[in-house]
Amino acid sequence: ADLHTSTVDQLAAAHYLAAVDLDAHIATVRTAYRERRDALQSALSRT
């Protein structure tokens, strides 16, 4: 299909995972998405 996935993207992702707390970033994303999910639920209930 493609011999291999992009080398530079793989290495960047590996460096990112070594240098950054991905779980902490995911926690930030979860907080934002939870608020948006709840906004959708509230709006659907009212509308």
ModelCIF file with pLDDT and N, C-alpha, C, O atoms, coordinates in Angstrom:
data_MODEL
#
_entry.id   MODEL 
#
_entity.id                         1 
_entity.type                       polymer 
_entity.pdbx_number_of_molecules   1 
#
_entity_poly.entity_id                      1 
_entity_poly.type                           'polypeptide(L)' 
_entity_poly.nstd_linkage                   no 
_entity_poly.nstd_monomer                   no 
_entity_poly.pdbx_seq_one_letter_code       ADLHTSTVDQLAAAHYLAAVDLDAHIATVRTAYRERRDALQSALSRT 
_entity_poly.pdbx_seq_one_letter_code_can   ADLHTSTVDQLAAAHYLAAVDLDAHIATVRTAYRERRDALQSALSRT 
_entity_poly.pdbx_strand_id                 A 
#
loop_
_entity_poly_seq.entity_id 
_entity_poly_seq.num 
_entity_poly_seq.mon_id 
_entity_poly_seq.hetero 
1 1  ALA n 
1 2  ASP n 
1 3  LEU n 
1 4  HIS n 
1 5  THR n 
1 6  SER n 
1 7  THR n 
1 8  VAL n 
1 9  ASP n 
1 10 GLN n 
1 11 LEU n 
1 12 ALA n 
1 13 ALA n 
1 14 ALA n 
1 15 HIS n 
1 16 TYR n 
1 17 LEU n 
1 18 ALA n 
1 19 ALA n 
1 20 VAL n 
1 21 ASP n 
1 22 LEU n 
1 23 ASP n 
1 24 ALA n 
1 25 HIS n 
1 26 ILE n 
1 27 ALA n 
1 28 THR n 
1 29 VAL n 
1 30 ARG n 
1 31 THR n 
1 32 ALA n 
1 33 TYR n 
1 34 ARG n 
1 35 GLU n 
1 36 ARG n 
1 37 ARG n 
1 38 ASP n 
1 39 ALA n 
1 40 LEU n 
1 41 GLN n 
1 42 SER n 
1 43 ALA n 
1 44 LEU n 
1 45 SER n 
1 46 ARG n 
1 47 THR n 
#
_struct_asym.id          A 
_struct_asym.entity_id   1 
#
loop_
_ma_qa_metric.id 
_ma_qa_metric.mode 
_ma_qa_metric.name 
_ma_qa_metric.software_group_id 
_ma_qa_metric.type 
1 global pLDDT . pLDDT 
2 local  pLDDT . pLDDT 
#
_ma_qa_metric_global.metric_id      1 
_ma_qa_metric_global.metric_value   97.64 
_ma_qa_metric_global.model_id       1 
_ma_qa_metric_global.ordinal_id     1 
#
loop_
_ma_qa_metric_local.label_asym_id 
_ma_qa_metric_local.label_comp_id 
_ma_qa_metric_local.label_seq_id 
_ma_qa_metric_local.metric_id 
_ma_qa_metric_local.metric_value 
_ma_qa_metric_local.model_id 
_ma_qa_metric_local.ordinal_id 
A ALA 1  2 96.00 1 1  
A ASP 2  2 97.00 1 2  
A LEU 3  2 97.00 1 3  
A HIS 4  2 98.00 1 4  
A THR 5  2 98.00 1 5  
A SER 6  2 98.00 1 6  
A THR 7  2 98.00 1 7  
A VAL 8  2 98.00 1 8  
A ASP 9  2 98.00 1 9  
A GLN 10 2 98.00 1 10 
A LEU 11 2 98.00 1 11 
A ALA 12 2 98.00 1 12 
A ALA 13 2 98.00 1 13 
A ALA 14 2 98.00 1 14 
A HIS 15 2 98.00 1 15 
A TYR 16 2 98.00 1 16 
A LEU 17 2 98.00 1 17 
A ALA 18 2 98.00 1 18 
A ALA 19 2 97.00 1 19 
A VAL 20 2 97.00 1 20 
A ASP 21 2 97.00 1 21 
A LEU 22 2 98.00 1 22 
A ASP 23 2 98.00 1 23 
A ALA 24 2 98.00 1 24 
A HIS 25 2 98.00 1 25 
A ILE 26 2 98.00 1 26 
A ALA 27 2 98.00 1 27 
A THR 28 2 98.00 1 28 
A VAL 29 2 98.00 1 29 
A ARG 30 2 98.00 1 30 
A THR 31 2 98.00 1 31 
A ALA 32 2 98.00 1 32 
A TYR 33 2 98.00 1 33 
A ARG 34 2 98.00 1 34 
A GLU 35 2 98.00 1 35 
A ARG 36 2 98.00 1 36 
A ARG 37 2 98.00 1 37 
A ASP 38 2 98.00 1 38 
A ALA 39 2 98.00 1 39 
A LEU 40 2 98.00 1 40 
A GLN 41 2 98.00 1 41 
A SER 42 2 98.00 1 42 
A ALA 43 2 98.00 1 43 
A LEU 44 2 97.00 1 44 
A SER 45 2 96.00 1 45 
A ARG 46 2 95.00 1 46 
A THR 47 2 94.00 1 47 
#
loop_
_atom_site.group_PDB 
_atom_site.id 
_atom_site.type_symbol 
_atom_site.label_atom_id 
_atom_site.label_alt_id 
_atom_site.label_comp_id 
_atom_site.label_asym_id 
_atom_site.label_entity_id 
_atom_site.label_seq_id 
_atom_site.pdbx_PDB_ins_code 
_atom_site.Cartn_x 
_atom_site.Cartn_y 
_atom_site.Cartn_z 
_atom_site.occupancy 
_atom_site.B_iso_or_equiv 
_atom_site.pdbx_formal_charge 
_atom_site.auth_seq_id 
_atom_site.auth_comp_id 
_atom_site.auth_asym_id 
_atom_site.auth_atom_id 
_atom_site.pdbx_PDB_model_num 
ATOM 1   N N  . ALA A 1 1  ? 0.815   -1.219 0.000  1.00 96.00 ? 1  ALA A N  1 
ATOM 2   C CA . ALA A 1 1  ? 0.000   0.000  0.000  1.00 96.00 ? 1  ALA A CA 1 
ATOM 3   C C  . ALA A 1 1  ? 0.847   1.266  0.000  1.00 96.00 ? 1  ALA A C  1 
ATOM 4   O O  . ALA A 1 1  ? 0.637   2.149  -0.832 1.00 96.00 ? 1  ALA A O  1 
ATOM 5   N N  . ASP A 1 2  ? 1.813   1.367  0.934  1.00 97.00 ? 2  ASP A N  1 
ATOM 6   C CA . ASP A 1 2  ? 2.573   2.621  1.039  1.00 97.00 ? 2  ASP A CA 1 
ATOM 7   C C  . ASP A 1 2  ? 3.986   2.441  1.574  1.00 97.00 ? 2  ASP A C  1 
ATOM 8   O O  . ASP A 1 2  ? 4.638   3.430  1.910  1.00 97.00 ? 2  ASP A O  1 
ATOM 9   N N  . LEU A 1 3  ? 4.473   1.230  1.662  1.00 97.00 ? 3  LEU A N  1 
ATOM 10  C CA . LEU A 1 3  ? 5.796   0.894  2.198  1.00 97.00 ? 3  LEU A CA 1 
ATOM 11  C C  . LEU A 1 3  ? 5.890   1.162  3.693  1.00 97.00 ? 3  LEU A C  1 
ATOM 12  O O  . LEU A 1 3  ? 6.237   0.267  4.463  1.00 97.00 ? 3  LEU A O  1 
ATOM 13  N N  . HIS A 1 4  ? 5.581   2.397  4.114  1.00 98.00 ? 4  HIS A N  1 
ATOM 14  C CA . HIS A 1 4  ? 5.604   2.720  5.531  1.00 98.00 ? 4  HIS A CA 1 
ATOM 15  C C  . HIS A 1 4  ? 4.906   4.056  5.738  1.00 98.00 ? 4  HIS A C  1 
ATOM 16  O O  . HIS A 1 4  ? 4.734   4.835  4.800  1.00 98.00 ? 4  HIS A O  1 
ATOM 17  N N  . THR A 1 5  ? 4.512   4.307  6.967  1.00 98.00 ? 5  THR A N  1 
ATOM 18  C CA . THR A 1 5  ? 3.911   5.581  7.337  1.00 98.00 ? 5  THR A CA 1 
ATOM 19  C C  . THR A 1 5  ? 5.003   6.649  7.437  1.00 98.00 ? 5  THR A C  1 
ATOM 20  O O  . THR A 1 5  ? 6.156   6.331  7.731  1.00 98.00 ? 5  THR A O  1 
ATOM 21  N N  . SER A 1 6  ? 4.652   7.894  7.198  1.00 98.00 ? 6  SER A N  1 
ATOM 22  C CA . SER A 1 6  ? 5.591   9.023  7.190  1.00 98.00 ? 6  SER A CA 1 
ATOM 23  C C  . SER A 1 6  ? 6.582   8.958  8.345  1.00 98.00 ? 6  SER A C  1 
ATOM 24  O O  . SER A 1 6  ? 6.193   8.947  9.513  1.00 98.00 ? 6  SER A O  1 
ATOM 25  N N  . THR A 1 7  ? 7.857   8.915  8.005  1.00 98.00 ? 7  THR A N  1 
ATOM 26  C CA . THR A 1 7  ? 8.907   8.826  9.022  1.00 98.00 ? 7  THR A CA 1 
ATOM 27  C C  . THR A 1 7  ? 8.924   10.056 9.919  1.00 98.00 ? 7  THR A C  1 
ATOM 28  O O  . THR A 1 7  ? 8.976   9.929  11.143 1.00 98.00 ? 7  THR A O  1 
ATOM 29  N N  . VAL A 1 8  ? 8.881   11.237 9.325  1.00 98.00 ? 8  VAL A N  1 
ATOM 30  C CA . VAL A 1 8  ? 8.995   12.447 10.132 1.00 98.00 ? 8  VAL A CA 1 
ATOM 31  C C  . VAL A 1 8  ? 7.811   12.585 11.075 1.00 98.00 ? 8  VAL A C  1 
ATOM 32  O O  . VAL A 1 8  ? 7.982   13.037 12.207 1.00 98.00 ? 8  VAL A O  1 
ATOM 33  N N  . ASP A 1 9  ? 6.626   12.212 10.643 1.00 98.00 ? 9  ASP A N  1 
ATOM 34  C CA . ASP A 1 9  ? 5.464   12.296 11.531 1.00 98.00 ? 9  ASP A CA 1 
ATOM 35  C C  . ASP A 1 9  ? 5.578   11.301 12.686 1.00 98.00 ? 9  ASP A C  1 
ATOM 36  O O  . ASP A 1 9  ? 5.233   11.614 13.826 1.00 98.00 ? 9  ASP A O  1 
ATOM 37  N N  . GLN A 1 10 ? 6.062   10.109 12.378 1.00 98.00 ? 10 GLN A N  1 
ATOM 38  C CA . GLN A 1 10 ? 6.251   9.127  13.449 1.00 98.00 ? 10 GLN A CA 1 
ATOM 39  C C  . GLN A 1 10 ? 7.258   9.616  14.485 1.00 98.00 ? 10 GLN A C  1 
ATOM 40  O O  . GLN A 1 10 ? 7.014   9.523  15.688 1.00 98.00 ? 10 GLN A O  1 
ATOM 41  N N  . LEU A 1 11 ? 8.388   10.136 14.015 1.00 98.00 ? 11 LEU A N  1 
ATOM 42  C CA . LEU A 1 11 ? 9.420   10.576 14.951 1.00 98.00 ? 11 LEU A CA 1 
ATOM 43  C C  . LEU A 1 11 ? 8.954   11.783 15.759 1.00 98.00 ? 11 LEU A C  1 
ATOM 44  O O  . LEU A 1 11 ? 9.251   11.894 16.948 1.00 98.00 ? 11 LEU A O  1 
ATOM 45  N N  . ALA A 1 12 ? 8.224   12.683 15.109 1.00 98.00 ? 12 ALA A N  1 
ATOM 46  C CA . ALA A 1 12 ? 7.681   13.823 15.854 1.00 98.00 ? 12 ALA A CA 1 
ATOM 47  C C  . ALA A 1 12 ? 6.718   13.354 16.935 1.00 98.00 ? 12 ALA A C  1 
ATOM 48  O O  . ALA A 1 12 ? 6.759   13.849 18.061 1.00 98.00 ? 12 ALA A O  1 
ATOM 49  N N  . ALA A 1 13 ? 5.853   12.403 16.598 1.00 98.00 ? 13 ALA A N  1 
ATOM 50  C CA . ALA A 1 13 ? 4.920   11.875 17.591 1.00 98.00 ? 13 ALA A CA 1 
ATOM 51  C C  . ALA A 1 13 ? 5.664   11.208 18.737 1.00 98.00 ? 13 ALA A C  1 
ATOM 52  O O  . ALA A 1 13 ? 5.282   11.359 19.897 1.00 98.00 ? 13 ALA A O  1 
ATOM 53  N N  . ALA A 1 14 ? 6.715   10.480 18.423 1.00 98.00 ? 14 ALA A N  1 
ATOM 54  C CA . ALA A 1 14 ? 7.496   9.832  19.480 1.00 98.00 ? 14 ALA A CA 1 
ATOM 55  C C  . ALA A 1 14 ? 8.159   10.863 20.380 1.00 98.00 ? 14 ALA A C  1 
ATOM 56  O O  . ALA A 1 14 ? 8.156   10.709 21.601 1.00 98.00 ? 14 ALA A O  1 
ATOM 57  N N  . HIS A 1 15 ? 8.729   11.914 19.795 1.00 98.00 ? 15 HIS A N  1 
ATOM 58  C CA . HIS A 1 15 ? 9.323   12.982 20.604 1.00 98.00 ? 15 HIS A CA 1 
ATOM 59  C C  . HIS A 1 15 ? 8.243   13.664 21.455 1.00 98.00 ? 15 HIS A C  1 
ATOM 60  O O  . HIS A 1 15 ? 8.477   13.990 22.619 1.00 98.00 ? 15 HIS A O  1 
ATOM 61  N N  . TYR A 1 16 ? 7.090   13.869 20.881 1.00 98.00 ? 16 TYR A N  1 
ATOM 62  C CA . TYR A 1 16 ? 5.999   14.506 21.630 1.00 98.00 ? 16 TYR A CA 1 
ATOM 63  C C  . TYR A 1 16 ? 5.615   13.655 22.845 1.00 98.00 ? 16 TYR A C  1 
ATOM 64  O O  . TYR A 1 16 ? 5.466   14.176 23.950 1.00 98.00 ? 16 TYR A O  1 
ATOM 65  N N  . LEU A 1 17 ? 5.458   12.359 22.636 1.00 98.00 ? 17 LEU A N  1 
ATOM 66  C CA . LEU A 1 17 ? 5.062   11.475 23.730 1.00 98.00 ? 17 LEU A CA 1 
ATOM 67  C C  . LEU A 1 17 ? 6.132   11.381 24.805 1.00 98.00 ? 17 LEU A C  1 
ATOM 68  O O  . LEU A 1 17 ? 5.826   11.141 25.973 1.00 98.00 ? 17 LEU A O  1 
ATOM 69  N N  . ALA A 1 18 ? 7.398   11.570 24.410 1.00 98.00 ? 18 ALA A N  1 
ATOM 70  C CA . ALA A 1 18 ? 8.483   11.538 25.392 1.00 98.00 ? 18 ALA A CA 1 
ATOM 71  C C  . ALA A 1 18 ? 8.579   12.833 26.183 1.00 98.00 ? 18 ALA A C  1 
ATOM 72  O O  . ALA A 1 18 ? 9.009   12.833 27.336 1.00 98.00 ? 18 ALA A O  1 
ATOM 73  N N  . ALA A 1 19 ? 8.177   13.940 25.561 1.00 97.00 ? 19 ALA A N  1 
ATOM 74  C CA . ALA A 1 19 ? 8.392   15.251 26.197 1.00 97.00 ? 19 ALA A CA 1 
ATOM 75  C C  . ALA A 1 19 ? 7.156   15.814 26.875 1.00 97.00 ? 19 ALA A C  1 
ATOM 76  O O  . ALA A 1 19 ? 7.273   16.644 27.776 1.00 97.00 ? 19 ALA A O  1 
ATOM 77  N N  . VAL A 1 20 ? 5.975   15.378 26.460 1.00 97.00 ? 20 VAL A N  1 
ATOM 78  C CA . VAL A 1 20 ? 4.720   15.979 26.913 1.00 97.00 ? 20 VAL A CA 1 
ATOM 79  C C  . VAL A 1 20 ? 3.899   14.943 27.662 1.00 97.00 ? 20 VAL A C  1 
ATOM 80  O O  . VAL A 1 20 ? 3.923   13.762 27.317 1.00 97.00 ? 20 VAL A O  1 
ATOM 81  N N  . ASP A 1 21 ? 3.187   15.370 28.665 1.00 97.00 ? 21 ASP A N  1 
ATOM 82  C CA . ASP A 1 21 ? 2.254   14.501 29.374 1.00 97.00 ? 21 ASP A CA 1 
ATOM 83  C C  . ASP A 1 21 ? 0.961   14.454 28.569 1.00 97.00 ? 21 ASP A C  1 
ATOM 84  O O  . ASP A 1 21 ? 0.089   15.308 28.728 1.00 97.00 ? 21 ASP A O  1 
ATOM 85  N N  . LEU A 1 22 ? 0.844   13.452 27.705 1.00 98.00 ? 22 LEU A N  1 
ATOM 86  C CA . LEU A 1 22 ? -0.332  13.368 26.838 1.00 98.00 ? 22 LEU A CA 1 
ATOM 87  C C  . LEU A 1 22 ? -1.602  13.185 27.653 1.00 98.00 ? 22 LEU A C  1 
ATOM 88  O O  . LEU A 1 22 ? -2.656  13.700 27.279 1.00 98.00 ? 22 LEU A O  1 
ATOM 89  N N  . ASP A 1 23 ? -1.517  12.460 28.757 1.00 98.00 ? 23 ASP A N  1 
ATOM 90  C CA . ASP A 1 23 ? -2.710  12.264 29.581 1.00 98.00 ? 23 ASP A CA 1 
ATOM 91  C C  . ASP A 1 23 ? -3.221  13.590 30.139 1.00 98.00 ? 23 ASP A C  1 
ATOM 92  O O  . ASP A 1 23 ? -4.430  13.796 30.245 1.00 98.00 ? 23 ASP A O  1 
ATOM 93  N N  . ALA A 1 24 ? -2.302  14.490 30.497 1.00 98.00 ? 24 ALA A N  1 
ATOM 94  C CA . ALA A 1 24 ? -2.723  15.804 30.981 1.00 98.00 ? 24 ALA A CA 1 
ATOM 95  C C  . ALA A 1 24 ? -3.397  16.594 29.856 1.00 98.00 ? 24 ALA A C  1 
ATOM 96  O O  . ALA A 1 24 ? -4.391  17.283 30.084 1.00 98.00 ? 24 ALA A O  1 
ATOM 97  N N  . HIS A 1 25 ? -2.851  16.491 28.648 1.00 98.00 ? 25 HIS A N  1 
ATOM 98  C CA . HIS A 1 25 ? -3.485  17.166 27.505 1.00 98.00 ? 25 HIS A CA 1 
ATOM 99  C C  . HIS A 1 25 ? -4.873  16.586 27.252 1.00 98.00 ? 25 HIS A C  1 
ATOM 100 O O  . HIS A 1 25 ? -5.822  17.331 27.008 1.00 98.00 ? 25 HIS A O  1 
ATOM 101 N N  . ILE A 1 26 ? -4.995  15.262 27.310 1.00 98.00 ? 26 ILE A N  1 
ATOM 102 C CA . ILE A 1 26 ? -6.296  14.622 27.104 1.00 98.00 ? 26 ILE A CA 1 
ATOM 103 C C  . ILE A 1 26 ? -7.286  15.069 28.171 1.00 98.00 ? 26 ILE A C  1 
ATOM 104 O O  . ILE A 1 26 ? -8.468  15.253 27.880 1.00 98.00 ? 26 ILE A O  1 
ATOM 105 N N  . ALA A 1 27 ? -6.822  15.242 29.392 1.00 98.00 ? 27 ALA A N  1 
ATOM 106 C CA . ALA A 1 27 ? -7.713  15.723 30.457 1.00 98.00 ? 27 ALA A CA 1 
ATOM 107 C C  . ALA A 1 27 ? -8.277  17.095 30.120 1.00 98.00 ? 27 ALA A C  1 
ATOM 108 O O  . ALA A 1 27 ? -9.450  17.367 30.377 1.00 98.00 ? 27 ALA A O  1 
ATOM 109 N N  . THR A 1 28 ? -7.448  17.957 29.548 1.00 98.00 ? 28 THR A N  1 
ATOM 110 C CA . THR A 1 28 ? -7.923  19.279 29.123 1.00 98.00 ? 28 THR A CA 1 
ATOM 111 C C  . THR A 1 28 ? -8.976  19.157 28.027 1.00 98.00 ? 28 THR A C  1 
ATOM 112 O O  . THR A 1 28 ? -10.000 19.839 28.056 1.00 98.00 ? 28 THR A O  1 
ATOM 113 N N  . VAL A 1 29 ? -8.714  18.288 27.070 1.00 98.00 ? 29 VAL A N  1 
ATOM 114 C CA . VAL A 1 29 ? -9.666  18.069 25.987 1.00 98.00 ? 29 VAL A CA 1 
ATOM 115 C C  . VAL A 1 29 ? -10.976 17.507 26.532 1.00 98.00 ? 29 VAL A C  1 
ATOM 116 O O  . VAL A 1 29 ? -12.057 17.937 26.130 1.00 98.00 ? 29 VAL A O  1 
ATOM 117 N N  . ARG A 1 30 ? -10.877 16.553 27.440 1.00 98.00 ? 30 ARG A N  1 
ATOM 118 C CA . ARG A 1 30 ? -12.087 15.971 28.034 1.00 98.00 ? 30 ARG A CA 1 
ATOM 119 C C  . ARG A 1 30 ? -12.938 17.034 28.714 1.00 98.00 ? 30 ARG A C  1 
ATOM 120 O O  . ARG A 1 30 ? -14.159 17.050 28.562 1.00 98.00 ? 30 ARG A O  1 
ATOM 121 N N  . THR A 1 31 ? -12.301 17.911 29.454 1.00 98.00 ? 31 THR A N  1 
ATOM 122 C CA . THR A 1 31 ? -13.049 18.955 30.164 1.00 98.00 ? 31 THR A CA 1 
ATOM 123 C C  . THR A 1 31 ? -13.831 19.818 29.175 1.00 98.00 ? 31 THR A C  1 
ATOM 124 O O  . THR A 1 31 ? -15.006 20.116 29.388 1.00 98.00 ? 31 THR A O  1 
ATOM 125 N N  . ALA A 1 32 ? -13.169 20.211 28.101 1.00 98.00 ? 32 ALA A N  1 
ATOM 126 C CA . ALA A 1 32 ? -13.840 21.044 27.099 1.00 98.00 ? 32 ALA A CA 1 
ATOM 127 C C  . ALA A 1 32 ? -14.963 20.284 26.407 1.00 98.00 ? 32 ALA A C  1 
ATOM 128 O O  . ALA A 1 32 ? -16.048 20.830 26.209 1.00 98.00 ? 32 ALA A O  1 
ATOM 129 N N  . TYR A 1 33 ? -14.720 19.051 26.044 1.00 98.00 ? 33 TYR A N  1 
ATOM 130 C CA . TYR A 1 33 ? -15.738 18.280 25.329 1.00 98.00 ? 33 TYR A CA 1 
ATOM 131 C C  . TYR A 1 33 ? -16.924 17.940 26.234 1.00 98.00 ? 33 TYR A C  1 
ATOM 132 O O  . TYR A 1 33 ? -18.069 17.917 25.784 1.00 98.00 ? 33 TYR A O  1 
ATOM 133 N N  . ARG A 1 34 ? -16.641 17.677 27.508 1.00 98.00 ? 34 ARG A N  1 
ATOM 134 C CA . ARG A 1 34 ? -17.744 17.413 28.442 1.00 98.00 ? 34 ARG A CA 1 
ATOM 135 C C  . ARG A 1 34 ? -18.669 18.625 28.516 1.00 98.00 ? 34 ARG A C  1 
ATOM 136 O O  . ARG A 1 34 ? -19.891 18.477 28.502 1.00 98.00 ? 34 ARG A O  1 
ATOM 137 N N  . GLU A 1 35 ? -18.091 19.818 28.593 1.00 98.00 ? 35 GLU A N  1 
ATOM 138 C CA . GLU A 1 35 ? -18.896 21.029 28.641 1.00 98.00 ? 35 GLU A CA 1 
ATOM 139 C C  . GLU A 1 35 ? -19.723 21.175 27.356 1.00 98.00 ? 35 GLU A C  1 
ATOM 140 O O  . GLU A 1 35 ? -20.879 21.596 27.408 1.00 98.00 ? 35 GLU A O  1 
ATOM 141 N N  . ARG A 1 36 ? -19.144 20.834 26.229 1.00 98.00 ? 36 ARG A N  1 
ATOM 142 C CA . ARG A 1 36 ? -19.862 20.951 24.964 1.00 98.00 ? 36 ARG A CA 1 
ATOM 143 C C  . ARG A 1 36 ? -20.959 19.886 24.850 1.00 98.00 ? 36 ARG A C  1 
ATOM 144 O O  . ARG A 1 36 ? -22.056 20.166 24.367 1.00 98.00 ? 36 ARG A O  1 
ATOM 145 N N  . ARG A 1 37 ? -20.654 18.670 25.295 1.00 98.00 ? 37 ARG A N  1 
ATOM 146 C CA . ARG A 1 37 ? -21.703 17.640 25.314 1.00 98.00 ? 37 ARG A CA 1 
ATOM 147 C C  . ARG A 1 37 ? -22.869 18.084 26.167 1.00 98.00 ? 37 ARG A C  1 
ATOM 148 O O  . ARG A 1 37 ? -24.023 17.943 25.762 1.00 98.00 ? 37 ARG A O  1 
ATOM 149 N N  . ASP A 1 38 ? -22.586 18.621 27.344 1.00 98.00 ? 38 ASP A N  1 
ATOM 150 C CA . ASP A 1 38 ? -23.648 19.051 28.241 1.00 98.00 ? 38 ASP A CA 1 
ATOM 151 C C  . ASP A 1 38 ? -24.430 20.227 27.661 1.00 98.00 ? 38 ASP A C  1 
ATOM 152 O O  . ASP A 1 38 ? -25.639 20.330 27.864 1.00 98.00 ? 38 ASP A O  1 
ATOM 153 N N  . ALA A 1 39 ? -23.741 21.116 26.936 1.00 98.00 ? 39 ALA A N  1 
ATOM 154 C CA . ALA A 1 39 ? -24.442 22.222 26.283 1.00 98.00 ? 39 ALA A CA 1 
ATOM 155 C C  . ALA A 1 39 ? -25.397 21.705 25.222 1.00 98.00 ? 39 ALA A C  1 
ATOM 156 O O  . ALA A 1 39 ? -26.506 22.219 25.075 1.00 98.00 ? 39 ALA A O  1 
ATOM 157 N N  . LEU A 1 40 ? -24.970 20.687 24.481 1.00 98.00 ? 40 LEU A N  1 
ATOM 158 C CA . LEU A 1 40 ? -25.853 20.093 23.470 1.00 98.00 ? 40 LEU A CA 1 
ATOM 159 C C  . LEU A 1 40 ? -27.054 19.436 24.134 1.00 98.00 ? 40 LEU A C  1 
ATOM 160 O O  . LEU A 1 40 ? -28.186 19.598 23.676 1.00 98.00 ? 40 LEU A O  1 
ATOM 161 N N  . GLN A 1 41 ? -26.814 18.695 25.211 1.00 98.00 ? 41 GLN A N  1 
ATOM 162 C CA . GLN A 1 41 ? -27.923 18.041 25.904 1.00 98.00 ? 41 GLN A CA 1 
ATOM 163 C C  . GLN A 1 41 ? -28.926 19.063 26.430 1.00 98.00 ? 41 GLN A C  1 
ATOM 164 O O  . GLN A 1 41 ? -30.137 18.897 26.281 1.00 98.00 ? 41 GLN A O  1 
ATOM 165 N N  . SER A 1 42 ? -28.406 20.115 27.043 1.00 98.00 ? 42 SER A N  1 
ATOM 166 C CA . SER A 1 42 ? -29.291 21.145 27.594 1.00 98.00 ? 42 SER A CA 1 
ATOM 167 C C  . SER A 1 42 ? -30.098 21.830 26.496 1.00 98.00 ? 42 SER A C  1 
ATOM 168 O O  . SER A 1 42 ? -31.297 22.063 26.654 1.00 98.00 ? 42 SER A O  1 
ATOM 169 N N  . ALA A 1 43 ? -29.444 22.149 25.391 1.00 98.00 ? 43 ALA A N  1 
ATOM 170 C CA . ALA A 1 43 ? -30.127 22.823 24.294 1.00 98.00 ? 43 ALA A CA 1 
ATOM 171 C C  . ALA A 1 43 ? -31.176 21.921 23.660 1.00 98.00 ? 43 ALA A C  1 
ATOM 172 O O  . ALA A 1 43 ? -32.263 22.388 23.319 1.00 98.00 ? 43 ALA A O  1 
ATOM 173 N N  . LEU A 1 44 ? -30.870 20.645 23.497 1.00 97.00 ? 44 LEU A N  1 
ATOM 174 C CA . LEU A 1 44 ? -31.858 19.721 22.945 1.00 97.00 ? 44 LEU A CA 1 
ATOM 175 C C  . LEU A 1 44 ? -33.084 19.617 23.850 1.00 97.00 ? 44 LEU A C  1 
ATOM 176 O O  . LEU A 1 44 ? -34.215 19.576 23.365 1.00 97.00 ? 44 LEU A O  1 
ATOM 177 N N  . SER A 1 45 ? -32.861 19.573 25.154 1.00 96.00 ? 45 SER A N  1 
ATOM 178 C CA . SER A 1 45 ? -33.974 19.462 26.106 1.00 96.00 ? 45 SER A CA 1 
ATOM 179 C C  . SER A 1 45 ? -34.884 20.686 26.041 1.00 96.00 ? 45 SER A C  1 
ATOM 180 O O  . SER A 1 45 ? -36.103 20.563 26.163 1.00 96.00 ? 45 SER A O  1 
ATOM 181 N N  . ARG A 1 46 ? -34.299 21.854 25.851 1.00 95.00 ? 46 ARG A N  1 
ATOM 182 C CA . ARG A 1 46 ? -35.083 23.084 25.805 1.00 95.00 ? 46 ARG A CA 1 
ATOM 183 C C  . ARG A 1 46 ? -35.776 23.306 24.469 1.00 95.00 ? 46 ARG A C  1 
ATOM 184 O O  . ARG A 1 46 ? -36.797 23.990 24.400 1.00 95.00 ? 46 ARG A O  1 
ATOM 185 N N  . THR A 1 47 ? -35.224 22.730 23.410 1.00 94.00 ? 47 THR A N  1 
ATOM 186 C CA . THR A 1 47 ? -35.611 23.157 22.068 1.00 94.00 ? 47 THR A CA 1 
ATOM 187 C C  . THR A 1 47 ? -36.444 22.148 21.298 1.00 94.00 ? 47 THR A C  1 
ATOM 188 O O  . THR A 1 47 ? -36.825 22.405 20.156 1.00 94.00 ? 47 THR A O  1 
#
